[in-house]
Amino acid sequence: MKPDDVKSGDWLALALLLESVHVRPLFARVASDNVGSLRVLQRTGFAVTGTEASFANGRNTEIEETILRLGEPATAPFDAPSGKKQTH
């Protein structure tokens, strides 16, 4: 998967959430093999804090999940294609 293959709808949904939810820190968990979701979260400021084995109901098996944390609210909207904050 190339970095630019992330769907713009994913960026928009997360950007809207981060804009409207001001409580910090925020935590996210994602299957470690879900590269696209990991990329979206990291490009919007989430940092990996660890991993944990967890049962995934959708897969009916135990998987490794990556745990991420966002500490500070975003100060500018994110540019979906580059993942960088816009500075308009």
PDB file of N, CA and C in Angstrom:
ATOM      1  N   MET A   1       0.847  -1.187   0.000  1.00  0.00           N
ATOM      2  CA  MET A   1       0.000   0.000   0.000  1.00  0.00           C
ATOM      3  C   MET A   1       0.885   1.240   0.000  1.00  0.00           C
ATOM      4  N   LYS A   2       0.649   2.137  -0.930  1.00  0.00           N
ATOM      5  CA  LYS A   2       1.383   3.399  -0.978  1.00  0.00           C
ATOM      6  C   LYS A   2       0.789   4.373   0.034  1.00  0.00           C
ATOM      7  N   PRO A   3       1.587   5.323   0.545  1.00  0.00           N
ATOM      8  CA  PRO A   3       1.061   6.289   1.514  1.00  0.00           C
ATOM      9  C   PRO A   3      -0.161   7.044   1.035  1.00  0.00           C
ATOM     10  N   ASP A   4      -0.267   7.315  -0.266  1.00  0.00           N
ATOM     11  CA  ASP A   4      -1.384   8.108  -0.779  1.00  0.00           C
ATOM     12  C   ASP A   4      -2.644   7.288  -1.024  1.00  0.00           C
ATOM     13  N   ASP A   5      -2.610   5.983  -0.712  1.00  0.00           N
ATOM     14  CA  ASP A   5      -3.759   5.122  -0.953  1.00  0.00           C
ATOM     15  C   ASP A   5      -4.830   5.213   0.134  1.00  0.00           C
ATOM     16  N   VAL A   6      -4.564   5.969   1.201  1.00  0.00           N
ATOM     17  CA  VAL A   6      -5.540   6.102   2.274  1.00  0.00           C
ATOM     18  C   VAL A   6      -6.746   6.871   1.747  1.00  0.00           C
ATOM     19  N   LYS A   7      -7.937   6.380   2.022  1.00  0.00           N
ATOM     20  CA  LYS A   7      -9.156   7.006   1.517  1.00  0.00           C
ATOM     21  C   LYS A   7      -9.373   8.374   2.160  1.00  0.00           C
ATOM     22  N   SER A   8      -9.769   9.358   1.367  1.00  0.00           N
ATOM     23  CA  SER A   8      -9.970  10.709   1.895  1.00  0.00           C
ATOM     24  C   SER A   8     -11.117  10.753   2.900  1.00  0.00           C
ATOM     25  N   GLY A   9     -12.089   9.865   2.775  1.00  0.00           N
ATOM     26  CA  GLY A   9     -13.185   9.818   3.740  1.00  0.00           C
ATOM     27  C   GLY A   9     -12.699   9.465   5.140  1.00  0.00           C
ATOM     28  N   ASP A  10     -11.662   8.621   5.208  1.00  0.00           N
ATOM     29  CA  ASP A  10     -11.083   8.274   6.506  1.00  0.00           C
ATOM     30  C   ASP A  10     -10.482   9.510   7.152  1.00  0.00           C
ATOM     31  N   TRP A  11      -9.776  10.297   6.363  1.00  0.00           N
ATOM     32  CA  TRP A  11      -9.164  11.530   6.877  1.00  0.00           C
ATOM     33  C   TRP A  11     -10.241  12.487   7.358  1.00  0.00           C
ATOM     34  N   LEU A  12     -11.268  12.657   6.554  1.00  0.00           N
ATOM     35  CA  LEU A  12     -12.321  13.613   6.881  1.00  0.00           C
ATOM     36  C   LEU A  12     -13.039  13.214   8.165  1.00  0.00           C
ATOM     37  N   ALA A  13     -13.395  11.963   8.293  1.00  0.00           N
ATOM     38  CA  ALA A  13     -14.098  11.512   9.497  1.00  0.00           C
ATOM     39  C   ALA A  13     -13.255  11.734  10.741  1.00  0.00           C
ATOM     40  N   LEU A  14     -11.980  11.390  10.684  1.00  0.00           N
ATOM     41  CA  LEU A  14     -11.117  11.568  11.853  1.00  0.00           C
ATOM     42  C   LEU A  14     -10.872  13.050  12.123  1.00  0.00           C
ATOM     43  N   ALA A  15     -10.666  13.842  11.085  1.00  0.00           N
ATOM     44  CA  ALA A  15     -10.454  15.279  11.274  1.00  0.00           C
ATOM     45  C   ALA A  15     -11.665  15.924  11.949  1.00  0.00           C
ATOM     46  N   LEU A  16     -12.870  15.543  11.527  1.00  0.00           N
ATOM     47  CA  LEU A  16     -14.087  16.088  12.143  1.00  0.00           C
ATOM     48  C   LEU A  16     -14.201  15.666  13.604  1.00  0.00           C
ATOM     49  N   LEU A  17     -13.854  14.430  13.887  1.00  0.00           N
ATOM     50  CA  LEU A  17     -13.893  13.967  15.277  1.00  0.00           C
ATOM     51  C   LEU A  17     -12.898  14.745  16.133  1.00  0.00           C
ATOM     52  N   LEU A  18     -11.678  14.877  15.658  1.00  0.00           N
ATOM     53  CA  LEU A  18     -10.643  15.569  16.433  1.00  0.00           C
ATOM     54  C   LEU A  18     -10.964  17.044  16.621  1.00  0.00           C
ATOM     55  N   GLU A  19     -11.653  17.625  15.649  1.00  0.00           N
ATOM     56  CA  GLU A  19     -12.061  19.021  15.745  1.00  0.00           C
ATOM     57  C   GLU A  19     -13.163  19.220  16.778  1.00  0.00           C
ATOM     58  N   SER A  20     -14.044  18.230  16.916  1.00  0.00           N
ATOM     59  CA  SER A  20     -15.202  18.401  17.798  1.00  0.00           C
ATOM     60  C   SER A  20     -14.995  17.834  19.207  1.00  0.00           C
ATOM     61  N   VAL A  21     -14.075  16.927  19.387  1.00  0.00           N
ATOM     62  CA  VAL A  21     -13.814  16.336  20.698  1.00  0.00           C
ATOM     63  C   VAL A  21     -12.521  16.933  21.237  1.00  0.00           C
ATOM     64  N   HIS A  22     -12.636  17.705  22.310  1.00  0.00           N
ATOM     65  CA  HIS A  22     -11.477  18.416  22.849  1.00  0.00           C
ATOM     66  C   HIS A  22     -10.854  17.729  24.056  1.00  0.00           C
ATOM     67  N   VAL A  23     -11.449  16.647  24.509  1.00  0.00           N
ATOM     68  CA  VAL A  23     -10.915  15.898  25.641  1.00  0.00           C
ATOM     69  C   VAL A  23      -9.617  15.218  25.220  1.00  0.00           C
ATOM     70  N   ARG A  24      -8.594  15.355  26.020  1.00  0.00           N
ATOM     71  CA  ARG A  24      -7.322  14.690  25.776  1.00  0.00           C
ATOM     72  C   ARG A  24      -6.824  14.110  27.081  1.00  0.00           C
ATOM     73  N   PRO A  25      -6.136  13.039  27.074  1.00  0.00           N
ATOM     74  CA  PRO A  25      -5.709  12.312  25.881  1.00  0.00           C
ATOM     75  C   PRO A  25      -6.847  11.470  25.305  1.00  0.00           C
ATOM     76  N   LEU A  26      -6.726  11.173  24.011  1.00  0.00           N
ATOM     77  CA  LEU A  26      -7.613  10.235  23.327  1.00  0.00           C
ATOM     78  C   LEU A  26      -6.802   8.981  23.048  1.00  0.00           C
ATOM     79  N   PHE A  27      -7.432   7.842  23.161  1.00  0.00           N
ATOM     80  CA  PHE A  27      -6.760   6.571  22.892  1.00  0.00           C
ATOM     81  C   PHE A  27      -7.455   5.870  21.740  1.00  0.00           C
ATOM     82  N   ALA A  28      -6.675   5.136  20.966  1.00  0.00           N
ATOM     83  CA  ALA A  28      -7.204   4.338  19.858  1.00  0.00           C
ATOM     84  C   ALA A  28      -6.545   2.972  19.896  1.00  0.00           C
ATOM     85  N   ARG A  29      -7.276   1.984  19.429  1.00  0.00           N
ATOM     86  CA  ARG A  29      -6.743   0.623  19.299  1.00  0.00           C
ATOM     87  C   ARG A  29      -7.052   0.160  17.889  1.00  0.00           C
ATOM     88  N   VAL A  30      -6.088  -0.470  17.263  1.00  0.00           N
ATOM     89  CA  VAL A  30      -6.279  -0.941  15.897  1.00  0.00           C
ATOM     90  C   VAL A  30      -5.489  -2.230  15.713  1.00  0.00           C
ATOM     91  N   ALA A  31      -6.038  -3.140  14.915  1.00  0.00           N
ATOM     92  CA  ALA A  31      -5.318  -4.373  14.609  1.00  0.00           C
ATOM     93  C   ALA A  31      -3.960  -4.000  14.020  1.00  0.00           C
ATOM     94  N   SER A  32      -2.910  -4.593  14.539  1.00  0.00           N
ATOM     95  CA  SER A  32      -1.555  -4.231  14.113  1.00  0.00           C
ATOM     96  C   SER A  32      -1.314  -4.469  12.623  1.00  0.00           C
ATOM     97  N   ASP A  33      -2.082  -5.375  12.008  1.00  0.00           N
ATOM     98  CA  ASP A  33      -1.913  -5.618  10.578  1.00  0.00           C
ATOM     99  C   ASP A  33      -2.779  -4.696   9.713  1.00  0.00           C
ATOM    100  N   ASN A  34      -3.495  -3.756  10.335  1.00  0.00           N
ATOM    101  CA  ASN A  34      -4.332  -2.798   9.603  1.00  0.00           C
ATOM    102  C   ASN A  34      -3.501  -1.541   9.330  1.00  0.00           C
ATOM    103  N   VAL A  35      -2.643  -1.642   8.329  1.00  0.00           N
ATOM    104  CA  VAL A  35      -1.675  -0.594   8.024  1.00  0.00           C
ATOM    105  C   VAL A  35      -2.345   0.734   7.680  1.00  0.00           C
ATOM    106  N   GLY A  36      -3.435   0.689   6.945  1.00  0.00           N
ATOM    107  CA  GLY A  36      -4.121   1.918   6.550  1.00  0.00           C
ATOM    108  C   GLY A  36      -4.633   2.709   7.738  1.00  0.00           C
ATOM    109  N   SER A  37      -5.285   2.030   8.675  1.00  0.00           N
ATOM    110  CA  SER A  37      -5.804   2.717   9.862  1.00  0.00           C
ATOM    111  C   SER A  37      -4.674   3.234  10.743  1.00  0.00           C
ATOM    112  N   LEU A  38      -3.617   2.454  10.879  1.00  0.00           N
ATOM    113  CA  LEU A  38      -2.452   2.923  11.649  1.00  0.00           C
ATOM    114  C   LEU A  38      -1.880   4.192  11.036  1.00  0.00           C
ATOM    115  N   ARG A  39      -1.781   4.206   9.713  1.00  0.00           N
ATOM    116  CA  ARG A  39      -1.224   5.370   9.011  1.00  0.00           C
ATOM    117  C   ARG A  39      -2.086   6.606   9.231  1.00  0.00           C
ATOM    118  N   VAL A  40      -3.404   6.465   9.114  1.00  0.00           N
ATOM    119  CA  VAL A  40      -4.313   7.601   9.315  1.00  0.00           C
ATOM    120  C   VAL A  40      -4.157   8.152  10.733  1.00  0.00           C
ATOM    121  N   LEU A  41      -4.160   7.279  11.723  1.00  0.00           N
ATOM    122  CA  LEU A  41      -4.042   7.728  13.108  1.00  0.00           C
ATOM    123  C   LEU A  41      -2.705   8.411  13.374  1.00  0.00           C
ATOM    124  N   GLN A  42      -1.620   7.839  12.885  1.00  0.00           N
ATOM    125  CA  GLN A  42      -0.306   8.432  13.120  1.00  0.00           C
ATOM    126  C   GLN A  42      -0.144   9.766  12.399  1.00  0.00           C
ATOM    127  N   ARG A  43      -0.682   9.889  11.217  1.00  0.00           N
ATOM    128  CA  ARG A  43      -0.564  11.152  10.479  1.00  0.00           C
ATOM    129  C   ARG A  43      -1.381  12.273  11.112  1.00  0.00           C
ATOM    130  N   THR A  44      -2.334  11.930  11.938  1.00  0.00           N
ATOM    131  CA  THR A  44      -3.129  12.957  12.608  1.00  0.00           C
ATOM    132  C   THR A  44      -2.670  13.189  14.039  1.00  0.00           C
ATOM    133  N   GLY A  45      -1.514  12.658  14.390  1.00  0.00           N
ATOM    134  CA  GLY A  45      -0.916  12.999  15.663  1.00  0.00           C
ATOM    135  C   GLY A  45      -0.919  11.919  16.729  1.00  0.00           C
ATOM    136  N   PHE A  46      -1.575  10.800  16.484  1.00  0.00           N
ATOM    137  CA  PHE A  46      -1.555   9.716  17.456  1.00  0.00           C
ATOM    138  C   PHE A  46      -0.173   9.078  17.471  1.00  0.00           C
ATOM    139  N   ALA A  47       0.290   8.711  18.660  1.00  0.00           N
ATOM    140  CA  ALA A  47       1.585   8.059  18.822  1.00  0.00           C
ATOM    141  C   ALA A  47       1.365   6.655  19.382  1.00  0.00           C
ATOM    142  N   VAL A  48       2.129   5.713  18.870  1.00  0.00           N
ATOM    143  CA  VAL A  48       2.044   4.335  19.352  1.00  0.00           C
ATOM    144  C   VAL A  48       2.593   4.278  20.773  1.00  0.00           C
ATOM    145  N   THR A  49       1.812   3.665  21.669  1.00  0.00           N
ATOM    146  CA  THR A  49       2.265   3.509  23.049  1.00  0.00           C
ATOM    147  C   THR A  49       2.536   2.057  23.407  1.00  0.00           C
ATOM    148  N   GLY A  50       2.073   1.133  22.580  1.00  0.00           N
ATOM    149  CA  GLY A  50       2.336  -0.270  22.856  1.00  0.00           C
ATOM    150  C   GLY A  50       1.453  -1.181  22.038  1.00  0.00           C
ATOM    151  N   THR A  51       1.541  -2.463  22.352  1.00  0.00           N
ATOM    152  CA  THR A  51       0.700  -3.465  21.700  1.00  0.00           C
ATOM    153  C   THR A  51       0.135  -4.376  22.775  1.00  0.00           C
ATOM    154  N   GLU A  52      -0.927  -5.096  22.393  1.00  0.00           N
ATOM    155  CA  GLU A  52      -1.565  -6.002  23.337  1.00  0.00           C
ATOM    156  C   GLU A  52      -2.299  -7.085  22.554  1.00  0.00           C
ATOM    157  N   ALA A  53      -2.268  -8.292  23.055  1.00  0.00           N
ATOM    158  CA  ALA A  53      -3.061  -9.363  22.461  1.00  0.00           C
ATOM    159  C   ALA A  53      -4.500  -9.188  22.916  1.00  0.00           C
ATOM    160  N   SER A  54      -5.428  -9.314  21.972  1.00  0.00           N
ATOM    161  CA  SER A  54      -6.835  -9.110  22.283  1.00  0.00           C
ATOM    162  C   SER A  54      -7.682  -9.985  21.359  1.00  0.00           C
ATOM    163  N   PHE A  55      -8.839 -10.416  21.839  1.00  0.00           N
ATOM    164  CA  PHE A  55      -9.724 -11.222  21.013  1.00  0.00           C
ATOM    165  C   PHE A  55     -10.498 -10.311  20.067  1.00  0.00           C
ATOM    166  N   ALA A  56     -10.468 -10.649  18.783  1.00  0.00           N
ATOM    167  CA  ALA A  56     -11.203  -9.890  17.763  1.00  0.00           C
ATOM    168  C   ALA A  56     -12.445 -10.682  17.384  1.00  0.00           C
ATOM    169  N   ASN A  57     -13.604 -10.189  17.773  1.00  0.00           N
ATOM    170  CA  ASN A  57     -14.859 -10.884  17.476  1.00  0.00           C
ATOM    171  C   ASN A  57     -15.043 -11.095  15.972  1.00  0.00           C
ATOM    172  N   GLY A  58     -14.713 -10.088  15.170  1.00  0.00           N
ATOM    173  CA  GLY A  58     -14.888 -10.180  13.721  1.00  0.00           C
ATOM    174  C   GLY A  58     -14.019 -11.234  13.068  1.00  0.00           C
ATOM    175  N   ARG A  59     -12.900 -11.547  13.704  1.00  0.00           N
ATOM    176  CA  ARG A  59     -11.992 -12.564  13.163  1.00  0.00           C
ATOM    177  C   ARG A  59     -12.105 -13.885  13.917  1.00  0.00           C
ATOM    178  N   ASN A  60     -12.825 -13.855  15.027  1.00  0.00           N
ATOM    179  CA  ASN A  60     -13.009 -15.031  15.867  1.00  0.00           C
ATOM    180  C   ASN A  60     -11.678 -15.654  16.288  1.00  0.00           C
ATOM    181  N   THR A  61     -10.712 -14.773  16.600  1.00  0.00           N
ATOM    182  CA  THR A  61      -9.401 -15.220  17.045  1.00  0.00           C
ATOM    183  C   THR A  61      -8.704 -14.106  17.804  1.00  0.00           C
ATOM    184  N   GLU A  62      -7.648 -14.451  18.460  1.00  0.00           N
ATOM    185  CA  GLU A  62      -6.842 -13.459  19.159  1.00  0.00           C
ATOM    186  C   GLU A  62      -5.874 -12.810  18.168  1.00  0.00           C
ATOM    187  N   ILE A  63      -5.738 -11.493  18.266  1.00  0.00           N
ATOM    188  CA  ILE A  63      -4.848 -10.736  17.377  1.00  0.00           C
ATOM    189  C   ILE A  63      -3.991  -9.789  18.212  1.00  0.00           C
ATOM    190  N   GLU A  64      -2.997  -9.222  17.574  1.00  0.00           N
ATOM    191  CA  GLU A  64      -2.219  -8.161  18.203  1.00  0.00           C
ATOM    192  C   GLU A  64      -2.856  -6.827  17.834  1.00  0.00           C
ATOM    193  N   GLU A  65      -3.102  -6.000  18.840  1.00  0.00           N
ATOM    194  CA  GLU A  65      -3.620  -4.652  18.617  1.00  0.00           C
ATOM    195  C   GLU A  65      -2.542  -3.644  18.980  1.00  0.00           C
ATOM    196  N   THR A  66      -2.467  -2.588  18.194  1.00  0.00           N
ATOM    197  CA  THR A  66      -1.581  -1.470  18.501  1.00  0.00           C
ATOM    198  C   THR A  66      -2.402  -0.436  19.251  1.00  0.00           C
ATOM    199  N   ILE A  67      -1.839   0.075  20.336  1.00  0.00           N
ATOM    200  CA  ILE A  67      -2.502   1.092  21.161  1.00  0.00           C
ATOM    201  C   ILE A  67      -1.841   2.428  20.866  1.00  0.00           C
ATOM    202  N   LEU A  68      -2.661   3.438  20.599  1.00  0.00           N
ATOM    203  CA  LEU A  68      -2.156   4.769  20.252  1.00  0.00           C
ATOM    204  C   LEU A  68      -2.761   5.811  21.176  1.00  0.00           C
ATOM    205  N   ARG A  69      -2.051   6.923  21.324  1.00  0.00           N
ATOM    206  CA  ARG A  69      -2.489   8.007  22.210  1.00  0.00           C
ATOM    207  C   ARG A  69      -2.302   9.350  21.501  1.00  0.00           C
ATOM    208  N   LEU A  70      -3.295  10.217  21.634  1.00  0.00           N
ATOM    209  CA  LEU A  70      -3.204  11.591  21.149  1.00  0.00           C
ATOM    210  C   LEU A  70      -3.266  12.495  22.360  1.00  0.00           C
ATOM    211  N   GLY A  71      -2.204  13.256  22.584  1.00  0.00           N
ATOM    212  CA  GLY A  71      -2.112  14.035  23.805  1.00  0.00           C
ATOM    213  C   GLY A  71      -2.648  15.440  23.733  1.00  0.00           C
ATOM    214  N   GLU A  72      -2.489  16.111  22.633  1.00  0.00           N
ATOM    215  CA  GLU A  72      -2.881  17.519  22.526  1.00  0.00           C
ATOM    216  C   GLU A  72      -3.865  17.709  21.391  1.00  0.00           C
ATOM    217  N   PRO A  73      -4.789  18.651  21.547  1.00  0.00           N
ATOM    218  CA  PRO A  73      -5.713  18.939  20.446  1.00  0.00           C
ATOM    219  C   PRO A  73      -4.957  19.479  19.238  1.00  0.00           C
ATOM    220  N   ALA A  74      -5.468  19.166  18.080  1.00  0.00           N
ATOM    221  CA  ALA A  74      -4.888  19.717  16.856  1.00  0.00           C
ATOM    222  C   ALA A  74      -5.111  21.221  16.840  1.00  0.00           C
ATOM    223  N   THR A  75      -4.122  21.964  16.366  1.00  0.00           N
ATOM    224  CA  THR A  75      -4.254  23.415  16.310  1.00  0.00           C
ATOM    225  C   THR A  75      -4.593  23.902  14.919  1.00  0.00           C
ATOM    226  N   ALA A  76      -4.516  23.013  13.923  1.00  0.00           N
ATOM    227  CA  ALA A  76      -4.862  23.381  12.550  1.00  0.00           C
ATOM    228  C   ALA A  76      -5.440  22.146  11.872  1.00  0.00           C
ATOM    229  N   PRO A  77      -6.291  22.354  10.845  1.00  0.00           N
ATOM    230  CA  PRO A  77      -6.837  21.199  10.136  1.00  0.00           C
ATOM    231  C   PRO A  77      -5.723  20.407   9.453  1.00  0.00           C
ATOM    232  N   PHE A  78      -5.989  19.129   9.207  1.00  0.00           N
ATOM    233  CA  PHE A  78      -5.016  18.285   8.539  1.00  0.00           C
ATOM    234  C   PHE A  78      -5.277  18.250   7.049  1.00  0.00           C
ATOM    235  N   ASP A  79      -4.212  18.193   6.296  1.00  0.00           N
ATOM    236  CA  ASP A  79      -4.264  18.070   4.852  1.00  0.00           C
ATOM    237  C   ASP A  79      -4.259  16.579   4.529  1.00  0.00           C
ATOM    238  N   ALA A  80      -5.349  16.055   4.025  1.00  0.00           N
ATOM    239  CA  ALA A  80      -5.479  14.615   3.819  1.00  0.00           C
ATOM    240  C   ALA A  80      -4.376  13.988   2.975  1.00  0.00           C
ATOM    241  N   PRO A  81      -4.018  14.526   1.825  1.00  0.00           N
ATOM    242  CA  PRO A  81      -3.016  13.835   1.020  1.00  0.00           C
ATOM    243  C   PRO A  81      -1.637  13.754   1.674  1.00  0.00           C
ATOM    244  N   SER A  82      -1.207  14.796   2.356  1.00  0.00           N
ATOM    245  CA  SER A  82       0.156  14.788   2.894  1.00  0.00           C
ATOM    246  C   SER A  82       0.198  14.386   4.355  1.00  0.00           C
ATOM    247  N   GLY A  83      -0.917  14.511   5.070  1.00  0.00           N
ATOM    248  CA  GLY A  83      -0.921  14.198   6.491  1.00  0.00           C
ATOM    249  C   GLY A  83      -0.316  15.292   7.338  1.00  0.00           C
ATOM    250  N   LYS A  84      -0.019  16.439   6.731  1.00  0.00           N
ATOM    251  CA  LYS A  84       0.589  17.546   7.475  1.00  0.00           C
ATOM    252  C   LYS A  84      -0.485  18.556   7.838  1.00  0.00           C
ATOM    253  N   LYS A  85      -0.253  19.273   8.915  1.00  0.00           N
ATOM    254  CA  LYS A  85      -1.187  20.316   9.308  1.00  0.00           C
ATOM    255  C   LYS A  85      -1.138  21.460   8.301  1.00  0.00           C
ATOM    256  N   GLN A  86      -2.309  21.986   8.001  1.00  0.00           N
ATOM    257  CA  GLN A  86      -2.375  23.139   7.112  1.00  0.00           C
ATOM    258  C   GLN A  86      -2.049  24.382   7.904  1.00  0.00           C
ATOM    259  N   THR A  87      -1.405  25.359   7.274  1.00  0.00           N
ATOM    260  CA  THR A  87      -0.988  26.575   7.988  1.00  0.00           C
ATOM    261  C   THR A  87      -1.568  27.825   7.351  1.00  0.00           C
ATOM    262  N   HIS A  88      -2.766  27.738   6.818  1.00  0.00           N
ATOM    263  CA  HIS A  88      -3.384  28.900   6.145  1.00  0.00           C
ATOM    264  C   HIS A  88      -3.585  30.020   7.116  1.00  0.00           C
TER     265      HIS A  88
END
